[in-house]
Amino acid sequence: MAVVSQQMKNLGRVVGVCGVLAFSPPAASAEFDRGQALYENHCKSCHEDWAHTREGRRVVSMSALRQRVAGWSLHSRLDWGDEEIDDVTDYLNRRFYQLTGQP
């Protein structure tokens, strides 16, 4: 009887921990930035930081930035949809441009 009681306590603990984990967001998701990952995997080899911080840059609005990202995604045959383009646009804006307004 004592063995069964201990097993039930252990089972209760396991179920409790599983319940907490099931309703907790993954820790990595808070740190993951899809726009950054897309940029680093597909764009950064040609577009280093200087490309976004040089004087006389052509991008002066969010819509211009989004148009550039969309254009380069087509040029590079990346087959990105609106979500990927928006994610990279948002990442670049946060990281380099600090523009206001909607794309």
N, C-alpha and C. Protein backbone atom coordinates (compact mmCIF):
# COMPACT_ATOMS: atom_id res chain seq x y z
N MET A 1 0.82 -1.20 0.00
CA MET A 1 0.00 0.00 0.00
C MET A 1 0.86 1.26 0.00
N ALA A 2 1.98 1.25 0.75
CA ALA A 2 2.88 2.39 0.81
C ALA A 2 3.54 2.63 -0.54
N VAL A 3 3.85 1.54 -1.27
CA VAL A 3 4.48 1.67 -2.58
C VAL A 3 3.52 2.34 -3.56
N VAL A 4 2.25 1.92 -3.52
CA VAL A 4 1.25 2.50 -4.41
C VAL A 4 1.05 3.98 -4.07
N SER A 5 1.03 4.32 -2.79
CA SER A 5 0.86 5.70 -2.37
C SER A 5 2.02 6.57 -2.87
N GLN A 6 3.24 6.06 -2.77
CA GLN A 6 4.41 6.81 -3.24
C GLN A 6 4.36 6.98 -4.76
N GLN A 7 3.93 5.93 -5.46
CA GLN A 7 3.82 6.02 -6.91
C GLN A 7 2.78 7.07 -7.32
N MET A 8 1.70 7.13 -6.59
CA MET A 8 0.66 8.12 -6.88
C MET A 8 1.19 9.54 -6.64
N LYS A 9 1.97 9.73 -5.58
CA LYS A 9 2.56 11.05 -5.31
C LYS A 9 3.50 11.44 -6.45
N ASN A 10 4.34 10.48 -6.87
CA ASN A 10 5.27 10.76 -7.95
C ASN A 10 4.52 11.08 -9.25
N LEU A 11 3.47 10.33 -9.52
CA LEU A 11 2.67 10.57 -10.71
C LEU A 11 2.05 11.97 -10.65
N GLY A 12 1.56 12.34 -9.49
CA GLY A 12 0.99 13.67 -9.32
C GLY A 12 2.01 14.77 -9.60
N ARG A 13 3.23 14.57 -9.14
CA ARG A 13 4.29 15.55 -9.39
C ARG A 13 4.60 15.66 -10.88
N VAL A 14 4.69 14.50 -11.54
CA VAL A 14 4.99 14.49 -12.97
C VAL A 14 3.88 15.20 -13.75
N VAL A 15 2.65 14.90 -13.42
CA VAL A 15 1.52 15.53 -14.09
C VAL A 15 1.53 17.04 -13.84
N GLY A 16 1.86 17.45 -12.63
CA GLY A 16 1.93 18.87 -12.31
C GLY A 16 3.00 19.59 -13.11
N VAL A 17 4.17 19.00 -13.19
CA VAL A 17 5.26 19.61 -13.96
C VAL A 17 4.90 19.67 -15.44
N CYS A 18 4.31 18.59 -15.95
CA CYS A 18 3.90 18.58 -17.36
C CYS A 18 2.86 19.65 -17.64
N GLY A 19 1.95 19.84 -16.71
CA GLY A 19 0.93 20.87 -16.88
C GLY A 19 1.54 22.26 -16.94
N VAL A 20 2.49 22.53 -16.07
CA VAL A 20 3.17 23.83 -16.09
C VAL A 20 3.92 24.02 -17.40
N LEU A 21 4.65 23.00 -17.83
CA LEU A 21 5.40 23.10 -19.08
C LEU A 21 4.50 23.24 -20.29
N ALA A 22 3.36 22.58 -20.26
CA ALA A 22 2.45 22.62 -21.41
C ALA A 22 1.88 24.01 -21.63
N PHE A 23 1.71 24.78 -20.55
CA PHE A 23 1.12 26.10 -20.67
C PHE A 23 2.14 27.23 -20.56
N SER A 24 3.42 26.89 -20.62
CA SER A 24 4.48 27.89 -20.59
C SER A 24 5.02 28.10 -21.99
N PRO A 25 5.22 29.34 -22.40
CA PRO A 25 5.82 29.56 -23.72
C PRO A 25 7.26 29.10 -23.72
N PRO A 26 7.75 28.62 -24.83
CA PRO A 26 9.14 28.19 -24.89
C PRO A 26 10.08 29.37 -24.65
N ALA A 27 11.13 29.15 -23.91
CA ALA A 27 12.06 30.22 -23.57
C ALA A 27 12.72 30.80 -24.81
N ALA A 28 13.01 29.98 -25.77
CA ALA A 28 13.71 30.45 -26.96
C ALA A 28 12.84 31.38 -27.81
N SER A 29 11.53 31.25 -27.76
CA SER A 29 10.67 32.06 -28.61
C SER A 29 10.78 33.54 -28.27
N ALA A 30 11.02 33.87 -27.01
CA ALA A 30 11.16 35.26 -26.63
C ALA A 30 12.44 35.86 -27.20
N GLU A 31 13.43 35.03 -27.45
CA GLU A 31 14.70 35.51 -27.95
C GLU A 31 14.82 35.39 -29.47
N PHE A 32 13.96 34.62 -30.09
CA PHE A 32 14.06 34.38 -31.53
C PHE A 32 13.45 35.54 -32.29
N ASP A 33 14.17 36.04 -33.26
CA ASP A 33 13.71 37.11 -34.12
C ASP A 33 13.79 36.59 -35.56
N ARG A 34 12.64 36.27 -36.12
CA ARG A 34 12.62 35.68 -37.46
C ARG A 34 13.19 36.63 -38.51
N GLY A 35 12.91 37.91 -38.37
CA GLY A 35 13.46 38.88 -39.31
C GLY A 35 14.97 38.90 -39.29
N GLN A 36 15.53 38.83 -38.09
CA GLN A 36 16.98 38.79 -37.96
C GLN A 36 17.54 37.51 -38.57
N ALA A 37 16.90 36.39 -38.29
CA ALA A 37 17.36 35.11 -38.83
C ALA A 37 17.31 35.10 -40.36
N LEU A 38 16.23 35.60 -40.93
CA LEU A 38 16.12 35.66 -42.38
C LEU A 38 17.20 36.56 -42.97
N TYR A 39 17.39 37.72 -42.36
CA TYR A 39 18.41 38.65 -42.85
C TYR A 39 19.80 38.03 -42.77
N GLU A 40 20.12 37.44 -41.63
CA GLU A 40 21.46 36.87 -41.46
C GLU A 40 21.71 35.69 -42.38
N ASN A 41 20.68 34.93 -42.68
CA ASN A 41 20.85 33.75 -43.53
C ASN A 41 20.81 34.06 -45.03
N HIS A 42 20.14 35.14 -45.42
CA HIS A 42 19.94 35.38 -46.84
C HIS A 42 20.47 36.71 -47.36
N CYS A 43 20.75 37.65 -46.49
CA CYS A 43 21.08 39.00 -46.95
C CYS A 43 22.45 39.50 -46.49
N LYS A 44 22.83 39.12 -45.30
CA LYS A 44 23.99 39.72 -44.66
C LYS A 44 25.30 39.46 -45.41
N SER A 45 25.38 38.38 -46.15
CA SER A 45 26.63 38.10 -46.86
C SER A 45 26.96 39.20 -47.87
N CYS A 46 25.96 39.85 -48.41
CA CYS A 46 26.19 40.96 -49.35
C CYS A 46 25.96 42.32 -48.71
N HIS A 47 25.07 42.40 -47.75
CA HIS A 47 24.68 43.67 -47.14
C HIS A 47 25.16 43.73 -45.70
N GLU A 48 26.39 44.11 -45.51
CA GLU A 48 26.93 44.28 -44.16
C GLU A 48 26.33 45.54 -43.53
N ASP A 49 26.65 45.77 -42.27
CA ASP A 49 26.09 46.90 -41.54
C ASP A 49 26.29 48.24 -42.25
N TRP A 50 27.42 48.43 -42.91
CA TRP A 50 27.70 49.71 -43.55
C TRP A 50 26.66 50.07 -44.61
N ALA A 51 26.04 49.06 -45.22
CA ALA A 51 25.05 49.33 -46.26
C ALA A 51 23.83 50.06 -45.70
N HIS A 52 23.59 49.89 -44.41
CA HIS A 52 22.41 50.49 -43.79
C HIS A 52 22.73 51.78 -43.03
N THR A 53 24.00 52.05 -42.84
CA THR A 53 24.37 53.21 -42.02
C THR A 53 25.14 54.27 -42.80
N ARG A 54 25.35 54.06 -44.07
CA ARG A 54 26.15 55.01 -44.86
C ARG A 54 25.41 56.34 -45.04
N GLU A 55 26.19 57.37 -45.27
CA GLU A 55 25.60 58.69 -45.55
C GLU A 55 24.92 58.67 -46.91
N GLY A 56 23.89 59.45 -47.05
CA GLY A 56 23.19 59.54 -48.33
C GLY A 56 22.42 58.29 -48.70
N ARG A 57 22.03 57.52 -47.69
CA ARG A 57 21.29 56.29 -48.01
C ARG A 57 19.96 56.63 -48.66
N ARG A 58 19.49 55.73 -49.47
CA ARG A 58 18.26 55.96 -50.24
C ARG A 58 16.99 55.69 -49.45
N VAL A 59 17.10 54.91 -48.41
CA VAL A 59 15.92 54.55 -47.62
C VAL A 59 15.65 55.64 -46.60
N VAL A 60 14.51 56.32 -46.77
CA VAL A 60 14.15 57.41 -45.86
C VAL A 60 12.75 57.24 -45.28
N SER A 61 12.08 56.13 -45.61
CA SER A 61 10.74 55.87 -45.08
C SER A 61 10.54 54.37 -44.93
N MET A 62 9.56 54.00 -44.14
CA MET A 62 9.25 52.58 -43.95
C MET A 62 8.81 51.95 -45.26
N SER A 63 8.04 52.68 -46.05
CA SER A 63 7.59 52.10 -47.32
C SER A 63 8.77 51.88 -48.27
N ALA A 64 9.74 52.80 -48.26
CA ALA A 64 10.93 52.63 -49.09
C ALA A 64 11.76 51.44 -48.62
N LEU A 65 11.86 51.27 -47.31
CA LEU A 65 12.60 50.13 -46.76
C LEU A 65 11.93 48.82 -47.15
N ARG A 66 10.61 48.77 -47.02
CA ARG A 66 9.88 47.55 -47.38
C ARG A 66 10.04 47.26 -48.88
N GLN A 67 9.98 48.30 -49.70
CA GLN A 67 10.16 48.10 -51.15
C GLN A 67 11.55 47.53 -51.46
N ARG A 68 12.56 48.00 -50.75
CA ARG A 68 13.92 47.48 -50.95
C ARG A 68 14.00 46.01 -50.56
N VAL A 69 13.44 45.67 -49.40
CA VAL A 69 13.47 44.28 -48.95
C VAL A 69 12.72 43.39 -49.95
N ALA A 70 11.54 43.83 -50.37
CA ALA A 70 10.76 43.05 -51.34
C ALA A 70 11.52 42.89 -52.65
N GLY A 71 12.14 43.95 -53.12
CA GLY A 71 12.89 43.89 -54.37
C GLY A 71 14.07 42.95 -54.29
N TRP A 72 14.82 43.02 -53.20
CA TRP A 72 15.97 42.13 -53.06
C TRP A 72 15.54 40.68 -52.85
N SER A 73 14.38 40.47 -52.24
CA SER A 73 13.92 39.08 -52.08
C SER A 73 13.58 38.48 -53.45
N LEU A 74 13.01 39.29 -54.33
CA LEU A 74 12.74 38.82 -55.70
C LEU A 74 14.04 38.61 -56.47
N HIS A 75 14.93 39.58 -56.37
CA HIS A 75 16.22 39.50 -57.06
C HIS A 75 17.00 38.24 -56.65
N SER A 76 16.88 37.89 -55.37
CA SER A 76 17.60 36.73 -54.84
C SER A 76 16.82 35.44 -54.96
N ARG A 77 15.62 35.53 -55.56
CA ARG A 77 14.75 34.36 -55.75
C ARG A 77 14.45 33.64 -54.43
N LEU A 78 14.10 34.42 -53.42
CA LEU A 78 13.83 33.85 -52.10
C LEU A 78 12.39 33.40 -51.93
N ASP A 79 11.49 33.83 -52.79
CA ASP A 79 10.09 33.43 -52.69
C ASP A 79 9.49 33.78 -51.33
N TRP A 80 9.82 34.98 -50.83
CA TRP A 80 9.27 35.43 -49.56
C TRP A 80 7.88 35.98 -49.76
N GLY A 81 7.02 35.71 -48.80
CA GLY A 81 5.69 36.30 -48.78
C GLY A 81 5.72 37.59 -47.97
N ASP A 82 4.54 38.16 -47.77
CA ASP A 82 4.43 39.42 -47.03
C ASP A 82 4.97 39.31 -45.60
N GLU A 83 4.74 38.18 -44.94
CA GLU A 83 5.20 38.03 -43.55
C GLU A 83 6.72 38.07 -43.45
N GLU A 84 7.40 37.37 -44.33
CA GLU A 84 8.86 37.38 -44.30
C GLU A 84 9.41 38.77 -44.62
N ILE A 85 8.82 39.41 -45.62
CA ILE A 85 9.25 40.76 -45.99
C ILE A 85 9.02 41.72 -44.83
N ASP A 86 7.86 41.63 -44.20
CA ASP A 86 7.57 42.49 -43.05
C ASP A 86 8.52 42.22 -41.89
N ASP A 87 8.82 40.95 -41.63
CA ASP A 87 9.72 40.61 -40.53
C ASP A 87 11.12 41.18 -40.75
N VAL A 88 11.64 41.05 -41.97
CA VAL A 88 12.97 41.59 -42.27
C VAL A 88 12.94 43.11 -42.24
N THR A 89 11.88 43.71 -42.77
CA THR A 89 11.74 45.17 -42.73
C THR A 89 11.74 45.66 -41.29
N ASP A 90 10.95 45.02 -40.44
CA ASP A 90 10.89 45.41 -39.03
C ASP A 90 12.24 45.25 -38.34
N TYR A 91 12.91 44.14 -38.61
CA TYR A 91 14.24 43.92 -38.02
C TYR A 91 15.21 45.02 -38.44
N LEU A 92 15.29 45.28 -39.74
CA LEU A 92 16.22 46.31 -40.23
C LEU A 92 15.89 47.68 -39.65
N ASN A 93 14.62 47.98 -39.53
CA ASN A 93 14.24 49.27 -38.96
C ASN A 93 14.66 49.37 -37.50
N ARG A 94 14.42 48.32 -36.74
CA ARG A 94 14.82 48.34 -35.33
C ARG A 94 16.34 48.42 -35.20
N ARG A 95 17.03 47.69 -36.02
CA ARG A 95 18.49 47.56 -35.90
C ARG A 95 19.24 48.77 -36.45
N PHE A 96 18.78 49.33 -37.56
CA PHE A 96 19.56 50.36 -38.24
C PHE A 96 18.85 51.69 -38.47
N TYR A 97 17.60 51.65 -38.92
CA TYR A 97 16.99 52.85 -39.49
C TYR A 97 16.22 53.71 -38.50
N GLN A 98 15.48 53.11 -37.59
CA GLN A 98 14.64 53.82 -36.63
C GLN A 98 13.69 54.81 -37.31
N LEU A 99 13.06 54.33 -38.37
CA LEU A 99 12.07 55.14 -39.10
C LEU A 99 10.72 55.03 -38.41
N THR A 100 9.87 56.00 -38.64
CA THR A 100 8.51 55.95 -38.09
C THR A 100 7.52 55.74 -39.23
N GLY A 101 6.33 55.31 -38.86
CA GLY A 101 5.29 55.10 -39.86
C GLY A 101 5.13 53.64 -40.22
N GLN A 102 4.16 53.39 -41.05
CA GLN A 102 3.85 52.03 -41.49
C GLN A 102 4.50 51.78 -42.84
N PRO A 103 4.88 50.52 -43.08
CA PRO A 103 5.45 50.20 -44.41
C PRO A 103 4.43 50.29 -45.51
